[in-house]
C-alpha atoms as a PDB file:
ATOM      1  CA  MET A   1      -0.321   0.356   0.179  1.00  0.00           C
ATOM      2  CA  ASP A   2       1.737   3.169  -0.778  1.00  0.00           C
ATOM      3  CA  LEU A   3       1.384   5.573   1.508  1.00  0.00           C
ATOM      4  CA  THR A   4       2.072   8.312  -1.145  1.00  0.00           C
ATOM      5  CA  PRO A   5      -1.120  10.031  -2.041  1.00  0.00           C
ATOM      6  CA  TYR A   6      -2.497  10.164   1.830  1.00  0.00           C
ATOM      7  CA  VAL A   7       0.577  12.037   2.495  1.00  0.00           C
ATOM      8  CA  ASP A   8      -0.090  14.246  -0.587  1.00  0.00           C
ATOM      9  CA  LEU A   9      -3.687  14.909   0.181  1.00  0.00           C
ATOM     10  CA  LEU A  10      -2.254  15.990   4.032  1.00  0.00           C
ATOM     11  CA  ARG A  11       0.236  18.792   2.225  1.00  0.00           C
ATOM     12  CA  ARG A  12      -2.540  19.870  -0.127  1.00  0.00           C
ATOM     13  CA  ASP A  13      -4.907  20.542   2.757  1.00  0.00           C
ATOM     14  CA  LEU A  14      -2.060  22.019   4.685  1.00  0.00           C
ATOM     15  CA  SER A  15      -0.843  24.654   1.675  1.00  0.00           C
ATOM     16  CA  SER A  16      -4.495  25.306   1.599  1.00  0.00           C
ATOM     17  CA  ALA A  17      -5.057  26.460   4.909  1.00  0.00           C
ATOM     18  CA  ALA A  18      -1.797  28.220   4.874  1.00  0.00           C
ATOM     19  CA  GLU A  19      -3.175  30.969   1.943  1.00  0.00           C
ATOM     20  CA  VAL A  20      -4.837  32.883   4.330  1.00  0.00           C
ATOM     21  CA  GLY A  21      -1.249  33.730   5.762  1.00  0.00           C
ATOM     22  CA  GLY A  22      -0.458  34.971   2.816  1.00  0.00           C
ATOM     23  CA  ASP A  23       3.366  34.806   2.478  1.00  0.00           C
ATOM     24  CA  GLN A  24       4.540  34.093   5.939  1.00  0.00           C
ATOM     25  CA  GLY A  25       1.596  31.812   5.669  1.00  0.00           C
ATOM     26  CA  ARG A  26       2.785  29.404   2.952  1.00  0.00           C
ATOM     27  CA  GLU A  27       6.713  29.798   4.230  1.00  0.00           C
ATOM     28  CA  ALA A  28       5.556  28.346   7.640  1.00  0.00           C
ATOM     29  CA  ALA A  29       3.352  25.894   6.143  1.00  0.00           C
ATOM     30  CA  ARG A  30       6.137  24.964   3.600  1.00  0.00           C
ATOM     31  CA  THR A  31       8.690  24.568   6.760  1.00  0.00           C
ATOM     32  CA  LEU A  32       6.147  22.467   8.691  1.00  0.00           C
ATOM     33  CA  LEU A  33       5.536  20.144   5.232  1.00  0.00           C
ATOM     34  CA  VAL A  34       9.150  18.855   5.322  1.00  0.00           C
ATOM     35  CA  ALA A  35       9.042  18.707   9.368  1.00  0.00           C
ATOM     36  CA  LEU A  36       5.187  16.616   9.338  1.00  0.00           C
ATOM     37  CA  GLU A  37       6.383  14.296   6.876  1.00  0.00           C
ATOM     38  CA  PRO A  38       7.447  11.702   8.386  1.00  0.00           C
ATOM     39  CA  ALA A  39       5.268  12.127  10.700  1.00  0.00           C
ATOM     40  CA  ALA A  40       2.391  11.909   9.210  1.00  0.00           C
ATOM     41  CA  ARG A  41       3.219   8.406   7.265  1.00  0.00           C
ATOM     42  CA  LEU A  42       4.268   7.013  10.526  1.00  0.00           C
ATOM     43  CA  ALA A  43       1.084   8.191  11.655  1.00  0.00           C
ATOM     44  CA  LEU A  44      -0.934   6.303   8.872  1.00  0.00           C
ATOM     45  CA  MET A  45       1.141   3.864   9.130  1.00  0.00           C
ATOM     46  CA  GLU A  46       0.067   2.775  12.313  1.00  0.00           C
ATOM     47  CA  ALA A  47      -3.829   3.028  12.036  1.00  0.00           C
ATOM     48  CA  VAL A  48      -3.465   0.710   9.363  1.00  0.00           C
ATOM     49  CA  ALA A  49      -1.543  -1.718  11.671  1.00  0.00           C
ATOM     50  CA  GLN A  50      -4.115  -0.795  14.277  1.00  0.00           C
ATOM     51  CA  ALA A  51      -7.011  -1.984  11.648  1.00  0.00           C
ATOM     52  CA  ALA A  52      -5.211  -5.053  11.168  1.00  0.00           C
ATOM     53  CA  ALA A  53      -5.059  -6.406  14.913  1.00  0.00           C
ATOM     54  CA  GLU A  54      -8.025  -5.605  15.312  1.00  0.00           C
ATOM     55  CA  ILE A  55      -9.841  -7.478  12.041  1.00  0.00           C
ATOM     56  CA  SER A  56      -7.011 -10.393  13.006  1.00  0.00           C
ATOM     57  CA  SER A  57      -9.001 -10.264  16.480  1.00  0.00           C
ATOM     58  CA  GLU A  58     -12.626 -10.825  14.403  1.00  0.00           C
ATOM     59  CA  LEU A  59     -11.811 -13.634  12.253  1.00  0.00           C
ATOM     60  CA  PRO A  60     -12.123 -17.066  13.457  1.00  0.00           C
ATOM     61  CA  ALA A  61      -8.280 -18.701  12.432  1.00  0.00           C
ATOM     62  CA  GLY A  62      -6.348 -17.002  10.478  1.00  0.00           C
ATOM     63  CA  SER A  63      -4.549 -13.709  10.692  1.00  0.00           C
ATOM     64  CA  VAL A  64      -4.036  -9.893   9.074  1.00  0.00           C
ATOM     65  CA  GLU A  65       0.095  -8.042   9.437  1.00  0.00           C
ATOM     66  CA  VAL A  66       1.561  -5.360   7.477  1.00  0.00           C
ATOM     67  CA  ARG A  67       5.159  -5.294   6.628  1.00  0.00           C
ATOM     68  CA  LEU A  68       6.973  -2.404   6.156  1.00  0.00           C
ATOM     69  CA  ALA A  69       8.381  -2.996   2.076  1.00  0.00           C
ATOM     70  CA  GLY A  70      10.431   0.449   1.585  1.00  0.00           C
ATOM     71  CA  ARG A  71       7.984   3.164   1.943  1.00  0.00           C
ATOM     72  CA  ASP A  72       4.978   1.296   1.181  1.00  0.00           C
ATOM     73  CA  LEU A  73       3.274  -1.394   2.818  1.00  0.00           C
ATOM     74  CA  ASP A  74       2.239  -4.662   2.357  1.00  0.00           C
ATOM     75  CA  PHE A  75      -0.358  -6.693   3.850  1.00  0.00           C
ATOM     76  CA  VAL A  76       0.412 -10.371   4.605  1.00  0.00           C
ATOM     77  CA  VAL A  77      -3.057 -12.411   5.303  1.00  0.00           C
ATOM     78  CA  ASP A  78      -2.353 -15.985   7.081  1.00  0.00           C
ATOM     79  CA  ALA A  79      -6.046 -18.045   6.671  1.00  0.00           C
ATOM     80  CA  PRO A  80      -5.458 -21.307   7.308  1.00  0.00           C
ATOM     81  CA  PRO A  81      -5.748 -24.208   4.695  1.00  0.00           C
ATOM     82  CA  THR A  82      -9.261 -24.672   3.404  1.00  0.00           C
ATOM     83  CA  VAL A  83     -10.513 -28.483   4.236  1.00  0.00           C
ATOM     84  CA  PRO A  84     -12.548 -29.063   0.998  1.00  0.00           C
ATOM     85  CA  GLU A  85     -15.546 -29.934   2.031  1.00  0.00           C
ATOM     86  CA  PRO A  86     -16.794 -33.749   1.399  1.00  0.00           C
ATOM     87  CA  PRO A  87     -19.340 -34.951  -1.542  1.00  0.00           C
ATOM     88  CA  ALA A  88     -22.716 -35.297  -1.074  1.00  0.00           C
ATOM     89  CA  ALA A  89     -24.078 -38.310  -0.120  1.00  0.00           C
ATOM     90  CA  PRO A  90     -25.603 -39.808  -3.129  1.00  0.00           C
ATOM     91  CA  ALA A  91     -29.530 -39.676  -3.432  1.00  0.00           C
ATOM     92  CA  PRO A  92     -31.074 -42.671  -2.131  1.00  0.00           C
ATOM     93  CA  PRO A  93     -33.043 -45.015  -4.648  1.00  0.00           C
ATOM     94  CA  GLY A  94     -36.709 -44.388  -5.926  1.00  0.00           C
ATOM     95  CA  PRO A  95     -39.021 -47.149  -5.754  1.00  0.00           C
ATOM     96  CA  PRO A  96     -38.271 -50.293  -8.091  1.00  0.00           C
ATOM     97  CA  GLY A  97     -39.566 -50.082 -11.405  1.00  0.00           C
ATOM     98  CA  ARG A  98     -39.290 -46.279 -11.745  1.00  0.00           C
ATOM     99  CA  PRO A  99     -36.321 -44.223 -12.505  1.00  0.00           C
ATOM    100  CA  THR A 100     -33.953 -42.587 -10.968  1.00  0.00           C
ATOM    101  CA  THR A 101     -32.203 -40.091 -12.709  1.00  0.00           C
ATOM    102  CA  ALA A 102     -35.604 -38.565 -14.304  1.00  0.00           C
ATOM    103  CA  PRO A 103     -38.894 -38.006 -12.768  1.00  0.00           C
ATOM    104  CA  TRP A 104     -41.595 -40.771 -13.656  1.00  0.00           C
ATOM    105  CA  ARG A 105     -44.122 -40.471 -16.455  1.00  0.00           C
ATOM    106  CA  ALA A 106     -47.098 -42.388 -17.230  1.00  0.00           C
ATOM    107  CA  SER A 107     -46.800 -43.906 -20.971  1.00  0.00           C
ATOM    108  CA  ARG A 108     -48.338 -46.335 -23.431  1.00  0.00           C
ATOM    109  CA  CYS A 109     -47.678 -49.771 -23.823  1.00  0.00           C
ATOM    110  CA  ALA A 110     -44.936 -49.384 -27.552  1.00  0.00           C
ATOM    111  CA  CYS A 111     -46.133 -53.442 -27.435  1.00  0.00           C
ATOM    112  CA  PRO A 112     -47.012 -54.244 -31.416  1.00  0.00           C
ATOM    113  CA  SER A 113     -50.610 -56.041 -30.496  1.00  0.00           C
ATOM    114  CA  ARG A 114     -52.193 -52.459 -29.638  1.00  0.00           C
ATOM    115  CA  SER A 115     -53.304 -49.602 -31.512  1.00  0.00           C
ATOM    116  CA  ARG A 116     -51.993 -45.861 -30.416  1.00  0.00           C
ATOM    117  CA  SER A 117     -55.138 -44.381 -31.845  1.00  0.00           C
ATOM    118  CA  ALA A 118     -58.790 -44.567 -31.024  1.00  0.00           C
ATOM    119  CA  PRO A 119     -60.444 -47.307 -32.409  1.00  0.00           C
ATOM    120  CA  LYS A 120     -61.877 -46.081 -35.162  1.00  0.00           C
ATOM    121  CA  THR A 121     -65.852 -45.613 -35.468  1.00  0.00           C
ATOM    122  CA  SER A 122     -68.326 -45.991 -39.046  1.00  0.00           C
ATOM    123  CA  PRO A 123     -70.351 -43.050 -39.905  1.00  0.00           C
ATOM    124  CA  GLU A 124     -73.891 -43.165 -38.549  1.00  0.00           C
ATOM    125  CA  THR A 125     -76.082 -44.443 -42.460  1.00  0.00           C
ATOM    126  CA  PRO A 126     -78.881 -43.465 -42.789  1.00  0.00           C
ATOM    127  CA  ALA A 127     -80.133 -47.412 -42.816  1.00  0.00           C
ATOM    128  CA  SER A 128     -78.641 -47.980 -39.077  1.00  0.00           C
ATOM    129  CA  ARG A 129     -80.860 -45.457 -37.195  1.00  0.00           C
END
């Protein structure tokens, strides 16, 4: 994590506030900024380290650490390895004689001795009435 943008923001805010003091205010702000930059970086690092400690205390296992790498902060997350969940138990078998992989549907018998269409009726003739 690069702290420079945050220190630069503080520098801009202090410079803007010093504008009301004229030339003397701007010069005093420049002098203060040179002296305050290391203190501002240190304060930001402490705040981030405190946040990491609070996050670690809320984790059920593992931790979050902040390490200084040059002028940047690095986060190290120590999380326990996750144990893969065991595979789900197979579904119990369905009733005998019914398929277990698809919902049961009633179907007509495909036997050649049965006809799939309704029996044909002969049209009524005037003589059959």
